Amino acid sequence: MPGFTTIVAPVRDLTAAKAIYTALLGVEPHTDEDFYVGYNVDGCEFGLNPAVLDQGETGPLALVDVDDVRATIETLVAAGAEVVSEPADVGGSAKIAVLADAEGNRFGLRSMG
C-alpha cells in the first residue's frame, strides 16, 4: 500500500527556512543546494524548495511514491480527483504530478521510473 514518503514546503528564503528546520528536526540536510534543501527524517523526505512557489504551491505538498504515475492519475481522476499539473521530470528518473481532491486539497504523485 502506498504511503506519503515526501513532504515539500515552498519557501522564499531558503537560508532562513534551513536554519529553522535544521533546528526543529535536529539533523543536518543531506542535500543543501540553492534550489533545494532536503532532510531525511525517519525515512521520510522533507524538502524546502523555492521553485514550487512558481508552480502555484502555497503550502506544504505531501507526495506518494507510485510505480506508474500515469496509471495512478487515471485511477484517481476516475475517483474524482483533478489534475493540477501533469507529470514533470524533476531530475534523474523522477517524475512528479500534482492532483487535487474534491475540496481542492493538493497532493503529489512521484514515480522513479
N, C-alpha and C. Protein backbone atom coordinates (compact mmCIF):
# COMPACT_ATOMS: atom_id res chain seq x y z
N MET A 1 0.85 -1.17 0.00
CA MET A 1 0.00 0.00 0.00
C MET A 1 0.90 1.24 0.00
N PRO A 2 0.63 2.19 -0.90
CA PRO A 2 1.45 3.40 -0.92
C PRO A 2 1.20 4.27 0.30
N GLY A 3 2.21 4.99 0.67
CA GLY A 3 2.09 5.94 1.78
C GLY A 3 2.81 7.22 1.42
N PHE A 4 2.53 8.27 2.14
CA PHE A 4 3.22 9.53 1.90
C PHE A 4 4.68 9.37 2.31
N THR A 5 5.58 9.66 1.40
CA THR A 5 7.00 9.47 1.63
C THR A 5 7.79 10.76 1.58
N THR A 6 7.17 11.81 1.07
CA THR A 6 7.87 13.06 0.87
C THR A 6 6.94 14.22 1.18
N ILE A 7 7.49 15.24 1.82
CA ILE A 7 6.77 16.50 2.04
C ILE A 7 7.69 17.60 1.56
N VAL A 8 7.17 18.46 0.70
CA VAL A 8 7.95 19.58 0.18
C VAL A 8 7.27 20.88 0.59
N ALA A 9 8.02 21.75 1.22
CA ALA A 9 7.50 23.04 1.66
C ALA A 9 8.04 24.14 0.75
N PRO A 10 7.16 24.98 0.22
CA PRO A 10 7.61 26.12 -0.58
C PRO A 10 8.14 27.21 0.34
N VAL A 11 9.31 27.73 0.03
CA VAL A 11 9.91 28.78 0.86
C VAL A 11 10.50 29.85 -0.04
N ARG A 12 10.40 31.09 0.38
CA ARG A 12 11.03 32.18 -0.36
C ARG A 12 12.48 32.36 0.06
N ASP A 13 12.74 32.27 1.35
CA ASP A 13 14.08 32.48 1.89
C ASP A 13 14.64 31.14 2.34
N LEU A 14 15.38 30.49 1.46
CA LEU A 14 15.91 29.16 1.72
C LEU A 14 16.86 29.15 2.91
N THR A 15 17.67 30.17 3.06
CA THR A 15 18.62 30.24 4.17
C THR A 15 17.91 30.31 5.51
N ALA A 16 16.91 31.17 5.61
CA ALA A 16 16.16 31.31 6.86
C ALA A 16 15.39 30.03 7.17
N ALA A 17 14.75 29.44 6.15
CA ALA A 17 13.99 28.21 6.36
C ALA A 17 14.92 27.08 6.78
N LYS A 18 16.09 27.00 6.16
CA LYS A 18 17.05 25.95 6.52
C LYS A 18 17.45 26.05 7.99
N ALA A 19 17.70 27.25 8.47
CA ALA A 19 18.07 27.44 9.88
C ALA A 19 16.96 26.94 10.80
N ILE A 20 15.73 27.28 10.48
CA ILE A 20 14.59 26.88 11.32
C ILE A 20 14.40 25.37 11.30
N TYR A 21 14.37 24.77 10.11
CA TYR A 21 14.08 23.34 10.03
C TYR A 21 15.25 22.47 10.49
N THR A 22 16.47 22.95 10.36
CA THR A 22 17.60 22.21 10.91
C THR A 22 17.50 22.19 12.43
N ALA A 23 17.13 23.31 13.03
CA ALA A 23 16.94 23.35 14.48
C ALA A 23 15.76 22.49 14.91
N LEU A 24 14.67 22.55 14.18
CA LEU A 24 13.48 21.77 14.52
C LEU A 24 13.73 20.27 14.40
N LEU A 25 14.32 19.85 13.28
CA LEU A 25 14.48 18.43 13.00
C LEU A 25 15.69 17.81 13.71
N GLY A 26 16.65 18.65 14.09
CA GLY A 26 17.81 18.16 14.82
C GLY A 26 18.80 17.38 13.96
N VAL A 27 18.71 17.54 12.65
CA VAL A 27 19.65 16.89 11.73
C VAL A 27 20.09 17.90 10.67
N GLU A 28 21.27 17.66 10.13
CA GLU A 28 21.75 18.47 9.02
C GLU A 28 21.10 17.96 7.73
N PRO A 29 20.89 18.82 6.75
CA PRO A 29 20.31 18.36 5.49
C PRO A 29 21.27 17.44 4.74
N HIS A 30 20.72 16.46 4.03
CA HIS A 30 21.54 15.59 3.18
C HIS A 30 21.81 16.25 1.83
N THR A 31 20.95 17.19 1.45
CA THR A 31 21.13 17.97 0.23
C THR A 31 20.98 19.43 0.60
N ASP A 32 21.97 20.23 0.20
CA ASP A 32 21.95 21.66 0.55
C ASP A 32 22.40 22.45 -0.67
N GLU A 33 21.44 22.73 -1.54
CA GLU A 33 21.70 23.43 -2.79
C GLU A 33 20.89 24.72 -2.83
N ASP A 34 21.20 25.58 -3.79
CA ASP A 34 20.46 26.84 -3.95
C ASP A 34 19.00 26.60 -4.34
N PHE A 35 18.70 25.45 -4.92
CA PHE A 35 17.37 25.15 -5.42
C PHE A 35 16.59 24.16 -4.55
N TYR A 36 17.25 23.54 -3.56
CA TYR A 36 16.57 22.52 -2.74
C TYR A 36 17.42 22.20 -1.52
N VAL A 37 16.77 22.11 -0.38
CA VAL A 37 17.40 21.61 0.85
C VAL A 37 16.56 20.44 1.30
N GLY A 38 17.19 19.27 1.48
CA GLY A 38 16.44 18.07 1.81
C GLY A 38 16.95 17.39 3.07
N TYR A 39 16.01 16.90 3.84
CA TYR A 39 16.29 16.19 5.09
C TYR A 39 15.67 14.80 5.02
N ASN A 40 16.31 13.83 5.66
CA ASN A 40 15.70 12.53 5.84
C ASN A 40 15.31 12.42 7.30
N VAL A 41 14.01 12.29 7.55
CA VAL A 41 13.50 12.23 8.91
C VAL A 41 12.78 10.90 9.07
N ASP A 42 13.44 9.96 9.72
CA ASP A 42 12.87 8.63 9.95
C ASP A 42 12.33 8.01 8.65
N GLY A 43 13.09 8.14 7.58
CA GLY A 43 12.71 7.54 6.31
C GLY A 43 11.80 8.39 5.44
N CYS A 44 11.39 9.55 5.92
CA CYS A 44 10.55 10.45 5.14
C CYS A 44 11.40 11.62 4.67
N GLU A 45 11.28 11.95 3.41
CA GLU A 45 11.99 13.10 2.85
C GLU A 45 11.21 14.37 3.17
N PHE A 46 11.90 15.34 3.76
CA PHE A 46 11.30 16.66 3.99
C PHE A 46 12.17 17.65 3.23
N GLY A 47 11.56 18.37 2.29
CA GLY A 47 12.33 19.27 1.45
C GLY A 47 11.83 20.70 1.49
N LEU A 48 12.76 21.61 1.29
CA LEU A 48 12.48 23.04 1.17
C LEU A 48 12.80 23.41 -0.27
N ASN A 49 11.83 24.00 -0.97
CA ASN A 49 12.02 24.24 -2.39
C ASN A 49 11.38 25.56 -2.81
N PRO A 50 12.19 26.55 -3.18
CA PRO A 50 11.62 27.83 -3.63
C PRO A 50 10.93 27.74 -4.99
N ALA A 51 11.30 26.79 -5.83
CA ALA A 51 10.74 26.69 -7.19
C ALA A 51 9.26 26.35 -7.18
N VAL A 52 8.78 25.63 -6.17
CA VAL A 52 7.37 25.25 -6.18
C VAL A 52 6.45 26.44 -5.98
N LEU A 53 6.98 27.55 -5.47
CA LEU A 53 6.18 28.78 -5.39
C LEU A 53 5.78 29.23 -6.80
N ASP A 54 6.71 29.10 -7.74
CA ASP A 54 6.44 29.47 -9.13
C ASP A 54 5.43 28.54 -9.79
N GLN A 55 5.24 27.36 -9.19
CA GLN A 55 4.30 26.38 -9.72
C GLN A 55 2.93 26.49 -9.05
N GLY A 56 2.74 27.51 -8.23
CA GLY A 56 1.45 27.76 -7.62
C GLY A 56 1.23 27.15 -6.26
N GLU A 57 2.23 26.48 -5.72
CA GLU A 57 2.07 25.89 -4.40
C GLU A 57 2.22 26.98 -3.34
N THR A 58 1.32 26.99 -2.38
CA THR A 58 1.38 27.99 -1.31
C THR A 58 1.55 27.37 0.06
N GLY A 59 1.52 26.06 0.12
CA GLY A 59 1.71 25.35 1.38
C GLY A 59 2.43 24.04 1.12
N PRO A 60 2.74 23.31 2.18
CA PRO A 60 3.44 22.04 2.01
C PRO A 60 2.65 21.08 1.12
N LEU A 61 3.39 20.28 0.36
CA LEU A 61 2.80 19.31 -0.54
C LEU A 61 3.29 17.93 -0.15
N ALA A 62 2.37 17.04 0.20
CA ALA A 62 2.72 15.66 0.53
C ALA A 62 2.67 14.83 -0.76
N LEU A 63 3.68 13.98 -0.93
CA LEU A 63 3.75 13.14 -2.12
C LEU A 63 3.73 11.67 -1.75
N VAL A 64 3.11 10.87 -2.63
CA VAL A 64 3.08 9.42 -2.51
C VAL A 64 3.91 8.86 -3.65
N ASP A 65 4.79 7.91 -3.34
CA ASP A 65 5.53 7.21 -4.38
C ASP A 65 4.64 6.16 -5.02
N VAL A 66 4.62 6.14 -6.34
CA VAL A 66 3.82 5.17 -7.09
C VAL A 66 4.68 4.55 -8.18
N ASP A 67 4.31 3.35 -8.60
CA ASP A 67 5.07 2.67 -9.65
C ASP A 67 4.82 3.29 -11.02
N ASP A 68 3.57 3.64 -11.30
CA ASP A 68 3.19 4.14 -12.61
C ASP A 68 2.34 5.39 -12.42
N VAL A 69 2.96 6.55 -12.59
CA VAL A 69 2.26 7.80 -12.31
C VAL A 69 1.07 8.01 -13.24
N ARG A 70 1.19 7.66 -14.50
CA ARG A 70 0.08 7.86 -15.45
C ARG A 70 -1.12 6.98 -15.09
N ALA A 71 -0.88 5.70 -14.79
CA ALA A 71 -1.97 4.80 -14.42
C ALA A 71 -2.63 5.25 -13.12
N THR A 72 -1.83 5.74 -12.18
CA THR A 72 -2.38 6.21 -10.91
C THR A 72 -3.23 7.45 -11.13
N ILE A 73 -2.79 8.33 -12.00
CA ILE A 73 -3.59 9.52 -12.33
C ILE A 73 -4.94 9.11 -12.90
N GLU A 74 -4.94 8.16 -13.82
CA GLU A 74 -6.21 7.70 -14.41
C GLU A 74 -7.15 7.18 -13.34
N THR A 75 -6.62 6.38 -12.43
CA THR A 75 -7.45 5.82 -11.36
C THR A 75 -8.01 6.92 -10.47
N LEU A 76 -7.18 7.89 -10.12
CA LEU A 76 -7.62 8.96 -9.23
C LEU A 76 -8.60 9.92 -9.90
N VAL A 77 -8.39 10.20 -11.17
CA VAL A 77 -9.34 11.06 -11.90
C VAL A 77 -10.69 10.35 -11.98
N ALA A 78 -10.70 9.05 -12.21
CA ALA A 78 -11.95 8.29 -12.24
C ALA A 78 -12.66 8.33 -10.88
N ALA A 79 -11.86 8.48 -9.81
CA ALA A 79 -12.43 8.55 -8.46
C ALA A 79 -12.85 9.96 -8.07
N GLY A 80 -12.55 10.96 -8.94
CA GLY A 80 -12.99 12.32 -8.67
C GLY A 80 -11.89 13.34 -8.46
N ALA A 81 -10.64 12.92 -8.54
CA ALA A 81 -9.53 13.88 -8.39
C ALA A 81 -9.38 14.72 -9.66
N GLU A 82 -8.72 15.85 -9.51
CA GLU A 82 -8.45 16.75 -10.64
C GLU A 82 -6.94 16.88 -10.80
N VAL A 83 -6.47 16.84 -12.04
CA VAL A 83 -5.04 17.02 -12.31
C VAL A 83 -4.72 18.50 -12.25
N VAL A 84 -3.80 18.87 -11.36
CA VAL A 84 -3.35 20.25 -11.25
C VAL A 84 -2.15 20.47 -12.16
N SER A 85 -1.22 19.51 -12.15
CA SER A 85 -0.09 19.58 -13.07
C SER A 85 0.27 18.16 -13.51
N GLU A 86 0.45 18.03 -14.81
CA GLU A 86 0.82 16.75 -15.42
C GLU A 86 2.20 16.32 -14.92
N PRO A 87 2.54 15.04 -15.05
CA PRO A 87 3.86 14.58 -14.62
C PRO A 87 4.97 15.38 -15.30
N ALA A 88 5.92 15.81 -14.49
CA ALA A 88 7.07 16.58 -14.98
C ALA A 88 8.34 15.93 -14.48
N ASP A 89 9.36 15.91 -15.32
CA ASP A 89 10.67 15.41 -14.91
C ASP A 89 11.27 16.37 -13.90
N VAL A 90 11.75 15.83 -12.78
CA VAL A 90 12.35 16.68 -11.75
C VAL A 90 13.80 16.28 -11.46
N GLY A 91 14.38 15.51 -12.35
CA GLY A 91 15.77 15.11 -12.19
C GLY A 91 15.90 13.61 -12.03
N GLY A 92 17.00 13.08 -12.55
CA GLY A 92 17.17 11.64 -12.53
C GLY A 92 16.04 11.01 -13.33
N SER A 93 15.44 10.00 -12.79
CA SER A 93 14.31 9.37 -13.47
C SER A 93 12.98 9.72 -12.80
N ALA A 94 13.00 10.68 -11.87
CA ALA A 94 11.80 11.03 -11.11
C ALA A 94 10.86 11.92 -11.90
N LYS A 95 9.56 11.63 -11.74
CA LYS A 95 8.50 12.45 -12.31
C LYS A 95 7.52 12.77 -11.17
N ILE A 96 7.03 13.99 -11.17
CA ILE A 96 6.07 14.40 -10.16
C ILE A 96 4.85 15.01 -10.84
N ALA A 97 3.67 14.60 -10.38
CA ALA A 97 2.40 15.19 -10.82
C ALA A 97 1.69 15.69 -9.57
N VAL A 98 0.87 16.72 -9.73
CA VAL A 98 0.10 17.25 -8.61
C VAL A 98 -1.38 17.12 -8.96
N LEU A 99 -2.15 16.61 -7.99
CA LEU A 99 -3.59 16.46 -8.14
C LEU A 99 -4.29 17.15 -6.99
N ALA A 100 -5.59 17.29 -7.09
CA ALA A 100 -6.39 17.88 -6.01
C ALA A 100 -7.61 17.00 -5.78
N ASP A 101 -8.01 16.93 -4.52
CA ASP A 101 -9.24 16.20 -4.20
C ASP A 101 -10.44 17.11 -4.45
N ALA A 102 -11.62 16.64 -4.15
CA ALA A 102 -12.85 17.39 -4.42
C ALA A 102 -12.94 18.69 -3.64
N GLU A 103 -12.19 18.80 -2.55
CA GLU A 103 -12.19 20.02 -1.73
C GLU A 103 -11.08 20.98 -2.13
N GLY A 104 -10.26 20.59 -3.10
CA GLY A 104 -9.16 21.43 -3.55
C GLY A 104 -7.84 21.18 -2.84
N ASN A 105 -7.79 20.21 -1.93
CA ASN A 105 -6.53 19.87 -1.26
C ASN A 105 -5.59 19.21 -2.25
N ARG A 106 -4.39 19.73 -2.32
CA ARG A 106 -3.42 19.22 -3.28
C ARG A 106 -2.54 18.14 -2.67
N PHE A 107 -2.16 17.19 -3.52
CA PHE A 107 -1.21 16.15 -3.14
C PHE A 107 -0.44 15.76 -4.38
N GLY A 108 0.71 15.15 -4.17
CA GLY A 108 1.56 14.81 -5.30
C GLY A 108 1.76 13.32 -5.46
N LEU A 109 2.09 12.94 -6.69
CA LEU A 109 2.49 11.58 -7.02
C LEU A 109 3.90 11.65 -7.55
N ARG A 110 4.74 10.72 -7.08
CA ARG A 110 6.12 10.68 -7.57
C ARG A 110 6.42 9.27 -8.04
N SER A 111 6.97 9.17 -9.26
CA SER A 111 7.44 7.88 -9.75
C SER A 111 8.93 8.02 -10.06
N MET A 112 9.62 6.94 -9.84
CA MET A 112 11.08 6.96 -10.02
C MET A 112 11.50 6.24 -11.29
N GLY A 113 10.58 5.99 -12.18
CA GLY A 113 10.98 5.29 -13.39
C GLY A 113 10.11 5.57 -14.54
